[in-house]
């Protein structure tokens, strides 16, 4: 039978998209000046969190100098700082910081994934690249058997989640949108935790906490 460990191994080994492979490896070799002493991960990034999670967070893709450097979703960049701080305030993470894959971070009742597993140039995967990565998300959602609430970060995360949960019709993305899916599942939308949104105040800590508070309520408070 399939398992999250087997899925992670398949994700890490993937070289299906030549453009993404070239970009992730170029970034890992060139590095950012602040991280010259790092050995970059430079590979696809598997999902992370509690296998028994009732809340699944769906982002977009690894950041070039975040998860592509550290090897863990939303780890090592400002977006992750914003996300994990909120998860910690809501009792879904044991600590508010995520600096590297060995920092002791653990999630409780939550799991984080993305529809694209390689860092894309300009954070813009092509439709073909998103489709090539889709089987990983399909397998992952099937394995997260207790998942009840899906927090979609941004329009791409929402589109991918709604498609796999067979949401029909699919309302237009907006922050705070709630959409019911078959099987008693719910999608709750948030603006993405990108610096473009958090630095400008389009997404505030209070707004993200509100999304996770609602997710917790829908998930039964776990």
C-alpha atoms as a PDB file:
ATOM      1  CA  UNK A   1       0.000   0.000   0.000  1.00  0.00           C
ATOM      2  CA  UNK A   2       1.051   3.599  -0.613  1.00  0.00           C
ATOM      3  CA  UNK A   3       2.389   5.647   2.297  1.00  0.00           C
ATOM      4  CA  UNK A   4       3.467   9.217   2.958  1.00  0.00           C
ATOM      5  CA  UNK A   5       7.081   8.025   3.201  1.00  0.00           C
ATOM      6  CA  UNK A   6       6.877   6.365  -0.201  1.00  0.00           C
ATOM      7  CA  UNK A   7       5.241   9.457  -1.630  1.00  0.00           C
ATOM      8  CA  UNK A   8       7.991  11.671  -0.198  1.00  0.00           C
ATOM      9  CA  UNK A   9      10.664   9.481  -1.795  1.00  0.00           C
ATOM     10  CA  UNK A  10       8.916   9.707  -5.175  1.00  0.00           C
ATOM     11  CA  UNK A  11       8.565  13.485  -4.869  1.00  0.00           C
ATOM     12  CA  UNK A  12      12.237  13.953  -4.027  1.00  0.00           C
ATOM     13  CA  UNK A  13      13.365  11.792  -6.966  1.00  0.00           C
ATOM     14  CA  UNK A  14      11.200  13.569  -9.560  1.00  0.00           C
ATOM     15  CA  UNK A  15      12.859  15.182 -12.605  1.00  0.00           C
ATOM     16  CA  UNK A  16       9.777  15.420 -14.802  1.00  0.00           C
ATOM     17  CA  UNK A  17       9.940  19.151 -15.653  1.00  0.00           C
ATOM     18  CA  UNK A  18      13.209  20.237 -17.335  1.00  0.00           C
ATOM     19  CA  UNK A  19      12.672  23.959 -16.700  1.00  0.00           C
ATOM     20  CA  UNK A  20      12.040  23.452 -12.995  1.00  0.00           C
ATOM     21  CA  UNK A  21      14.911  21.006 -12.595  1.00  0.00           C
ATOM     22  CA  UNK A  22      17.302  23.469 -14.239  1.00  0.00           C
ATOM     23  CA  UNK A  23      16.085  26.398 -12.145  1.00  0.00           C
ATOM     24  CA  UNK A  24      16.087  24.671  -8.753  1.00  0.00           C
ATOM     25  CA  UNK A  25      19.602  23.337  -9.363  1.00  0.00           C
ATOM     26  CA  UNK A  26      20.893  26.668 -10.667  1.00  0.00           C
ATOM     27  CA  UNK A  27      19.620  28.426  -7.543  1.00  0.00           C
ATOM     28  CA  UNK A  28      21.151  25.730  -5.340  1.00  0.00           C
ATOM     29  CA  UNK A  29      24.535  26.170  -7.007  1.00  0.00           C
ATOM     30  CA  UNK A  30      24.588  29.978  -7.203  1.00  0.00           C
ATOM     31  CA  UNK A  31      23.067  30.536  -3.741  1.00  0.00           C
ATOM     32  CA  UNK A  32      22.122  33.834  -2.150  1.00  0.00           C
ATOM     33  CA  UNK A  33      24.930  35.787  -0.499  1.00  0.00           C
ATOM     34  CA  UNK A  34      23.387  35.354   2.950  1.00  0.00           C
ATOM     35  CA  UNK A  35      23.436  31.562   2.560  1.00  0.00           C
ATOM     36  CA  UNK A  36      26.810  30.874   0.987  1.00  0.00           C
ATOM     37  CA  UNK A  37      27.665  28.439   3.781  1.00  0.00           C
ATOM     38  CA  UNK A  38      24.512  26.412   3.179  1.00  0.00           C
ATOM     39  CA  UNK A  39      24.260  23.202   1.185  1.00  0.00           C
ATOM     40  CA  UNK A  40      20.996  23.861  -0.621  1.00  0.00           C
ATOM     41  CA  UNK A  41      18.404  21.111  -0.857  1.00  0.00           C
ATOM     42  CA  UNK A  42      17.857  21.844  -4.561  1.00  0.00           C
ATOM     43  CA  UNK A  43      15.276  19.073  -5.100  1.00  0.00           C
ATOM     44  CA  UNK A  44      11.481  18.743  -5.021  1.00  0.00           C
ATOM     45  CA  UNK A  45       9.999  19.284  -1.561  1.00  0.00           C
ATOM     46  CA  UNK A  46       7.587  16.757  -0.008  1.00  0.00           C
ATOM     47  CA  UNK A  47       4.707  17.652   2.258  1.00  0.00           C
ATOM     48  CA  UNK A  48       5.224  18.140   5.990  1.00  0.00           C
ATOM     49  CA  UNK A  49       3.185  17.686   9.125  1.00  0.00           C
ATOM     50  CA  UNK A  50       0.889  15.409  11.074  1.00  0.00           C
ATOM     51  CA  UNK A  51      -0.217  12.290   9.115  1.00  0.00           C
ATOM     52  CA  UNK A  52      -3.447  12.329  11.164  1.00  0.00           C
ATOM     53  CA  UNK A  53      -4.115  15.985  10.358  1.00  0.00           C
ATOM     54  CA  UNK A  54      -7.669  17.230  10.094  1.00  0.00           C
ATOM     55  CA  UNK A  55      -6.452  20.550   8.620  1.00  0.00           C
ATOM     56  CA  UNK A  56      -4.412  20.591   5.405  1.00  0.00           C
ATOM     57  CA  UNK A  57      -2.733  23.805   4.256  1.00  0.00           C
ATOM     58  CA  UNK A  58      -2.210  24.032   0.489  1.00  0.00           C
ATOM     59  CA  UNK A  59       0.240  26.649  -0.782  1.00  0.00           C
ATOM     60  CA  UNK A  60       1.767  27.188  -4.216  1.00  0.00           C
ATOM     61  CA  UNK A  61       5.366  25.976  -4.537  1.00  0.00           C
ATOM     62  CA  UNK A  62       8.705  26.055  -2.675  1.00  0.00           C
ATOM     63  CA  UNK A  63      10.508  29.388  -2.506  1.00  0.00           C
ATOM     64  CA  UNK A  64      13.891  29.512  -4.244  1.00  0.00           C
ATOM     65  CA  UNK A  65      15.832  30.396  -1.095  1.00  0.00           C
ATOM     66  CA  UNK A  66      13.310  29.015   1.395  1.00  0.00           C
ATOM     67  CA  UNK A  67      12.155  25.419   0.979  1.00  0.00           C
ATOM     68  CA  UNK A  68      14.458  24.919  -2.018  1.00  0.00           C
ATOM     69  CA  UNK A  69      17.300  25.680   0.418  1.00  0.00           C
ATOM     70  CA  UNK A  70      16.043  23.895   3.552  1.00  0.00           C
ATOM     71  CA  UNK A  71      14.077  20.984   2.084  1.00  0.00           C
ATOM     72  CA  UNK A  72      10.913  21.606   4.109  1.00  0.00           C
ATOM     73  CA  UNK A  73       7.726  23.413   3.138  1.00  0.00           C
ATOM     74  CA  UNK A  74       7.611  27.118   4.090  1.00  0.00           C
ATOM     75  CA  UNK A  75      10.893  26.873   6.004  1.00  0.00           C
ATOM     76  CA  UNK A  76      13.665  29.460   5.935  1.00  0.00           C
ATOM     77  CA  UNK A  77      11.881  32.492   4.519  1.00  0.00           C
ATOM     78  CA  UNK A  78       9.578  35.333   5.556  1.00  0.00           C
ATOM     79  CA  UNK A  79       6.467  33.605   4.228  1.00  0.00           C
ATOM     80  CA  UNK A  80       7.145  30.636   6.464  1.00  0.00           C
ATOM     81  CA  UNK A  81       7.836  32.912   9.434  1.00  0.00           C
ATOM     82  CA  UNK A  82       4.389  34.449   8.967  1.00  0.00           C
ATOM     83  CA  UNK A  83       2.624  31.108   8.466  1.00  0.00           C
ATOM     84  CA  UNK A  84       4.212  29.147  11.296  1.00  0.00           C
ATOM     85  CA  UNK A  85       3.778  32.019  13.758  1.00  0.00           C
ATOM     86  CA  UNK A  86       0.041  31.832  13.105  1.00  0.00           C
ATOM     87  CA  UNK A  87      -0.029  28.032  13.354  1.00  0.00           C
ATOM     88  CA  UNK A  88       1.761  28.315  16.704  1.00  0.00           C
ATOM     89  CA  UNK A  89      -0.687  30.906  18.016  1.00  0.00           C
ATOM     90  CA  UNK A  90      -3.527  28.601  17.039  1.00  0.00           C
ATOM     91  CA  UNK A  91      -1.979  25.585  18.783  1.00  0.00           C
ATOM     92  CA  UNK A  92      -1.191  23.749  15.551  1.00  0.00           C
ATOM     93  CA  UNK A  93       2.610  24.036  15.811  1.00  0.00           C
ATOM     94  CA  UNK A  94       4.936  23.512  18.768  1.00  0.00           C
ATOM     95  CA  UNK A  95       7.045  26.596  17.962  1.00  0.00           C
ATOM     96  CA  UNK A  96       6.650  29.788  15.913  1.00  0.00           C
ATOM     97  CA  UNK A  97       9.925  29.594  13.961  1.00  0.00           C
ATOM     98  CA  UNK A  98      10.951  27.418  11.024  1.00  0.00           C
ATOM     99  CA  UNK A  99      14.611  27.862  10.187  1.00  0.00           C
ATOM    100  CA  UNK A 100      15.737  24.474   8.894  1.00  0.00           C
ATOM    101  CA  UNK A 101      14.595  20.874   8.643  1.00  0.00           C
ATOM    102  CA  UNK A 102      16.255  19.954  11.962  1.00  0.00           C
ATOM    103  CA  UNK A 103      14.915  22.812  14.085  1.00  0.00           C
ATOM    104  CA  UNK A 104      12.493  20.637  16.066  1.00  0.00           C
ATOM    105  CA  UNK A 105       9.321  22.042  14.516  1.00  0.00           C
ATOM    106  CA  UNK A 106       6.320  19.723  14.698  1.00  0.00           C
ATOM    107  CA  UNK A 107       2.726  20.216  13.626  1.00  0.00           C
ATOM    108  CA  UNK A 108      -0.273  18.961  15.591  1.00  0.00           C
ATOM    109  CA  UNK A 109      -3.421  18.271  13.628  1.00  0.00           C
ATOM    110  CA  UNK A 110      -2.110  20.093  10.559  1.00  0.00           C
ATOM    111  CA  UNK A 111      -0.234  19.192   7.393  1.00  0.00           C
ATOM    112  CA  UNK A 112       1.305  21.466   4.755  1.00  0.00           C
ATOM    113  CA  UNK A 113       1.607  20.719   1.058  1.00  0.00           C
ATOM    114  CA  UNK A 114       1.602  22.400  -2.358  1.00  0.00           C
ATOM    115  CA  UNK A 115       0.441  21.594  -5.886  1.00  0.00           C
ATOM    116  CA  UNK A 116       3.959  22.249  -7.250  1.00  0.00           C
ATOM    117  CA  UNK A 117       6.984  20.699  -5.517  1.00  0.00           C
ATOM    118  CA  UNK A 118       9.902  22.510  -7.218  1.00  0.00           C
ATOM    119  CA  UNK A 119      10.776  26.184  -6.922  1.00  0.00           C
ATOM    120  CA  UNK A 120       9.564  27.821 -10.171  1.00  0.00           C
ATOM    121  CA  UNK A 121      11.180  30.884 -11.788  1.00  0.00           C
ATOM    122  CA  UNK A 122       9.392  34.066 -10.623  1.00  0.00           C
ATOM    123  CA  UNK A 123       7.091  31.824  -8.530  1.00  0.00           C
ATOM    124  CA  UNK A 124       5.115  31.064 -11.695  1.00  0.00           C
ATOM    125  CA  UNK A 125       4.770  27.399 -12.649  1.00  0.00           C
ATOM    126  CA  UNK A 126       3.316  26.742 -16.081  1.00  0.00           C
ATOM    127  CA  UNK A 127       0.014  24.869 -16.494  1.00  0.00           C
ATOM    128  CA  UNK A 128       1.971  21.884 -17.856  1.00  0.00           C
ATOM    129  CA  UNK A 129       4.222  21.871 -14.784  1.00  0.00           C
ATOM    130  CA  UNK A 130       1.248  22.039 -12.475  1.00  0.00           C
ATOM    131  CA  UNK A 131      -0.346  19.116 -14.299  1.00  0.00           C
ATOM    132  CA  UNK A 132       2.854  17.062 -14.132  1.00  0.00           C
ATOM    133  CA  UNK A 133       2.946  17.532 -10.352  1.00  0.00           C
ATOM    134  CA  UNK A 134      -0.735  16.817  -9.855  1.00  0.00           C
ATOM    135  CA  UNK A 135      -0.412  13.036  -9.197  1.00  0.00           C
ATOM    136  CA  UNK A 136       1.612  13.778  -6.062  1.00  0.00           C
ATOM    137  CA  UNK A 137      -1.189  15.900  -4.610  1.00  0.00           C
ATOM    138  CA  UNK A 138      -3.784  13.291  -5.572  1.00  0.00           C
ATOM    139  CA  UNK A 139      -1.852  10.597  -3.698  1.00  0.00           C
ATOM    140  CA  UNK A 140      -1.221  12.856  -0.730  1.00  0.00           C
ATOM    141  CA  UNK A 141      -4.837  13.856  -0.218  1.00  0.00           C
ATOM    142  CA  UNK A 142      -5.872  10.206  -0.429  1.00  0.00           C
ATOM    143  CA  UNK A 143      -3.359   9.308   2.281  1.00  0.00           C
ATOM    144  CA  UNK A 144      -4.451  12.135   4.607  1.00  0.00           C
ATOM    145  CA  UNK A 145      -7.538  10.135   5.492  1.00  0.00           C
ATOM    146  CA  UNK A 146      -8.663  12.285   8.439  1.00  0.00           C
ATOM    147  CA  UNK A 147      -8.409  15.600   6.577  1.00  0.00           C
ATOM    148  CA  UNK A 148     -11.619  17.587   6.916  1.00  0.00           C
ATOM    149  CA  UNK A 149     -10.656  21.231   6.310  1.00  0.00           C
ATOM    150  CA  UNK A 150      -8.359  22.513   3.560  1.00  0.00           C
ATOM    151  CA  UNK A 151      -6.855  25.980   3.960  1.00  0.00           C
ATOM    152  CA  UNK A 152      -5.984  27.211   0.471  1.00  0.00           C
ATOM    153  CA  UNK A 153      -3.312  29.915   0.367  1.00  0.00           C
ATOM    154  CA  UNK A 154      -3.885  31.960  -2.772  1.00  0.00           C
ATOM    155  CA  UNK A 155      -5.778  31.319  -5.978  1.00  0.00           C
ATOM    156  CA  UNK A 156      -3.522  28.540  -7.299  1.00  0.00           C
ATOM    157  CA  UNK A 157      -3.737  26.600  -4.051  1.00  0.00           C
ATOM    158  CA  UNK A 158      -7.492  27.087  -4.130  1.00  0.00           C
ATOM    159  CA  UNK A 159      -7.829  25.945  -7.744  1.00  0.00           C
ATOM    160  CA  UNK A 160      -5.768  22.816  -7.116  1.00  0.00           C
ATOM    161  CA  UNK A 161      -7.608  21.919  -3.926  1.00  0.00           C
ATOM    162  CA  UNK A 162     -11.065  22.554  -5.352  1.00  0.00           C
ATOM    163  CA  UNK A 163     -10.270  20.453  -8.410  1.00  0.00           C
ATOM    164  CA  UNK A 164      -9.118  17.449  -6.377  1.00  0.00           C
ATOM    165  CA  UNK A 165     -12.025  17.694  -3.931  1.00  0.00           C
ATOM    166  CA  UNK A 166     -14.463  17.972  -6.866  1.00  0.00           C
ATOM    167  CA  UNK A 167     -15.938  21.300  -5.795  1.00  0.00           C
ATOM    168  CA  UNK A 168     -18.681  22.188  -8.294  1.00  0.00           C
ATOM    169  CA  UNK A 169     -19.532  24.917  -8.970  1.00  0.00           C
ATOM    170  CA  UNK A 170     -16.337  26.653  -7.884  1.00  0.00           C
ATOM    171  CA  UNK A 171     -16.852  30.210  -6.608  1.00  0.00           C
ATOM    172  CA  UNK A 172     -14.242  32.842  -7.424  1.00  0.00           C
ATOM    173  CA  UNK A 173     -11.339  32.981  -4.972  1.00  0.00           C
ATOM    174  CA  UNK A 174     -11.511  35.550  -2.181  1.00  0.00           C
ATOM    175  CA  UNK A 175     -10.003  35.804   1.275  1.00  0.00           C
ATOM    176  CA  UNK A 176     -12.239  34.095   3.832  1.00  0.00           C
ATOM    177  CA  UNK A 177     -14.238  32.216   1.222  1.00  0.00           C
ATOM    178  CA  UNK A 178     -15.676  28.910   2.461  1.00  0.00           C
ATOM    179  CA  UNK A 179     -16.656  26.232  -0.018  1.00  0.00           C
ATOM    180  CA  UNK A 180     -18.264  22.907   0.765  1.00  0.00           C
ATOM    181  CA  UNK A 181     -16.893  19.780  -0.913  1.00  0.00           C
ATOM    182  CA  UNK A 182     -18.283  16.242  -1.120  1.00  0.00           C
ATOM    183  CA  UNK A 183     -17.685  14.002   1.859  1.00  0.00           C
ATOM    184  CA  UNK A 184     -18.302  16.698   4.471  1.00  0.00           C
ATOM    185  CA  UNK A 185     -15.065  18.514   3.681  1.00  0.00           C
ATOM    186  CA  UNK A 186     -14.598  22.285   3.519  1.00  0.00           C
ATOM    187  CA  UNK A 187     -12.158  24.568   1.708  1.00  0.00           C
ATOM    188  CA  UNK A 188     -11.325  27.828   3.501  1.00  0.00           C
ATOM    189  CA  UNK A 189      -9.394  30.431   1.505  1.00  0.00           C
ATOM    190  CA  UNK A 190      -6.739  32.906   2.550  1.00  0.00           C
ATOM    191  CA  UNK A 191      -4.540  35.324   0.698  1.00  0.00           C
ATOM    192  CA  UNK A 192      -1.133  33.744   0.208  1.00  0.00           C
ATOM    193  CA  UNK A 193       1.472  34.445   2.889  1.00  0.00           C
ATOM    194  CA  UNK A 194       3.822  35.980   0.312  1.00  0.00           C
ATOM    195  CA  UNK A 195       5.831  39.035   1.289  1.00  0.00           C
ATOM    196  CA  UNK A 196       3.906  40.988  -1.334  1.00  0.00           C
ATOM    197  CA  UNK A 197       0.771  40.402   0.734  1.00  0.00           C
ATOM    198  CA  UNK A 198       2.154  40.483   4.267  1.00  0.00           C
ATOM    199  CA  UNK A 199       4.479  43.483   3.868  1.00  0.00           C
ATOM    200  CA  UNK A 200       1.729  45.598   2.319  1.00  0.00           C
ATOM    201  CA  UNK A 201      -0.853  44.675   4.938  1.00  0.00           C
ATOM    202  CA  UNK A 202      -3.140  42.930   2.479  1.00  0.00           C
ATOM    203  CA  UNK A 203      -2.804  39.926   4.784  1.00  0.00           C
ATOM    204  CA  UNK A 204      -2.342  40.654   8.474  1.00  0.00           C
ATOM    205  CA  UNK A 205      -1.593  38.232  11.333  1.00  0.00           C
ATOM    206  CA  UNK A 206      -5.136  38.773  12.614  1.00  0.00           C
ATOM    207  CA  UNK A 207      -6.591  37.851   9.229  1.00  0.00           C
ATOM    208  CA  UNK A 208      -4.593  34.626   8.985  1.00  0.00           C
ATOM    209  CA  UNK A 209      -5.358  33.720  12.607  1.00  0.00           C
ATOM    210  CA  UNK A 210      -9.023  34.189  11.775  1.00  0.00           C
ATOM    211  CA  UNK A 211      -8.782  31.714   8.901  1.00  0.00           C
ATOM    212  CA  UNK A 212      -7.136  29.084  11.109  1.00  0.00           C
ATOM    213  CA  UNK A 213      -9.579  29.724  13.937  1.00  0.00           C
ATOM    214  CA  UNK A 214     -12.401  29.013  11.512  1.00  0.00           C
ATOM    215  CA  UNK A 215     -10.599  25.921  10.211  1.00  0.00           C
ATOM    216  CA  UNK A 216     -10.250  24.640  13.747  1.00  0.00           C
ATOM    217  CA  UNK A 217     -13.924  25.190  14.421  1.00  0.00           C
ATOM    218  CA  UNK A 218     -14.875  23.328  11.249  1.00  0.00           C
ATOM    219  CA  UNK A 219     -12.440  20.524  12.040  1.00  0.00           C
ATOM    220  CA  UNK A 220     -13.977  19.970  15.449  1.00  0.00           C
ATOM    221  CA  UNK A 221     -11.536  21.964  17.548  1.00  0.00           C
ATOM    222  CA  UNK A 222      -8.586  19.541  17.295  1.00  0.00           C
END
